[in-house]
Amino acid sequence: MTVPARRFARSTSDKWIAGVCGGIAEYLGWNANVVRLLFVVSCLLPGPQFIIYLVLWLLMPKK
């Protein structure tokens, strides 16, 4: 019995902007809205969250 391989890729079906949060949610098995909410809340804190999102947008392949 083999476990299906999870692929870290942008979502093409569950996306608002680029599908990054949707892809992360699919990979982790979470609800995409929870990942989006965590991202928005994290943007209120100091740090490079927006830059990380842009880098993931460029580096994550489409599903």
Protein backbone atom coordinates (compact mmCIF):
# COMPACT_ATOMS: atom_id res chain seq x y z
CA MET A 1 0.00 0.00 0.00
CA THR A 2 1.55 3.27 -1.08
CA VAL A 3 0.78 6.69 0.22
CA PRO A 4 0.01 9.20 -2.53
CA ALA A 5 2.82 11.71 -2.85
CA ARG A 6 1.88 15.20 -1.79
CA ARG A 7 3.14 17.87 -4.13
CA PHE A 8 3.99 21.39 -2.98
CA ALA A 9 2.42 23.41 -5.79
CA ARG A 10 0.18 26.42 -6.30
CA SER A 11 -3.49 25.62 -6.45
CA THR A 12 -5.29 26.24 -9.72
CA SER A 13 -8.75 25.63 -8.33
CA ASP A 14 -8.62 27.27 -4.88
CA LYS A 15 -6.96 30.63 -5.43
CA TRP A 16 -7.67 34.30 -4.88
CA ILE A 17 -4.50 35.93 -6.18
CA ALA A 18 -1.83 33.41 -7.16
CA GLY A 19 -2.89 30.16 -5.48
CA VAL A 20 -0.03 30.14 -2.98
CA CYS A 21 -2.20 29.93 0.13
CA GLY A 22 -4.48 27.41 -1.56
CA GLY A 23 -1.47 25.27 -2.48
CA ILE A 24 -0.07 25.42 1.04
CA ALA A 25 -3.48 24.46 2.44
CA GLU A 26 -3.78 21.49 0.06
CA TYR A 27 -0.28 20.33 0.99
CA LEU A 28 -0.96 20.56 4.73
CA GLY A 29 -4.53 19.28 4.50
CA TRP A 30 -5.94 22.49 5.99
CA ASN A 31 -8.77 24.78 4.96
CA ALA A 32 -7.48 27.43 2.53
CA ASN A 33 -9.33 30.21 4.35
CA VAL A 34 -7.43 29.39 7.55
CA VAL A 35 -4.10 29.70 5.71
CA ARG A 36 -5.21 33.00 4.16
CA LEU A 37 -6.32 34.33 7.55
CA LEU A 38 -3.00 33.33 9.10
CA PHE A 39 -1.15 35.08 6.27
CA VAL A 40 -3.14 38.31 6.66
CA VAL A 41 -2.67 38.31 10.43
CA SER A 42 1.05 37.64 10.00
CA CYS A 43 1.30 40.66 7.69
CA LEU A 44 0.31 42.83 10.64
CA LEU A 45 3.52 41.74 12.38
CA PRO A 46 6.95 42.97 11.31
CA GLY A 47 8.74 40.68 8.92
CA PRO A 48 9.19 39.72 5.28
CA GLN A 49 5.84 37.91 4.84
CA PHE A 50 4.87 39.71 1.64
CA ILE A 51 8.29 39.10 0.10
CA ILE A 52 8.07 35.40 1.03
CA TYR A 53 4.65 35.25 -0.66
CA LEU A 54 6.09 36.78 -3.83
CA VAL A 55 9.03 34.36 -3.81
CA LEU A 56 6.68 31.40 -3.36
CA TRP A 57 4.56 32.75 -6.22
CA LEU A 58 7.61 32.67 -8.46
CA LEU A 59 9.10 29.37 -7.26
CA MET A 60 6.07 27.14 -6.64
CA PRO A 61 5.00 25.27 -9.77
CA LYS A 62 1.36 25.28 -10.84
CA LYS A 63 -0.54 22.11 -10.14
